[in-house]
């Protein structure tokens, strides 16, 4: 089992986490003028890069969202950090 680092709780088993989104994905604006196709692309399509990636995850035990940096090929996690302005 792989251990993931929650910036609030420390290392925990991967089963306690859920992928939320790719980090840095810009929400389409103005929202009222975005087509259905535009919203679908924003909500359901990911870049899924091969290699180093920054992703938003949620730790289900504490309910906090955070950014994790990991390699999508080797599964190596190189860091995690609270979202801007969030701390406990």
Foldseek 3Di string as FASTA:
>chain_A
DDWDQDPAPGTDDPVQKDFDFFPPQDDDPPPVPADPVRVCCSHPPHPPDAFWGWTWMARNVVGFIWIWIAGPVVRHTDDIDHPPPDDD
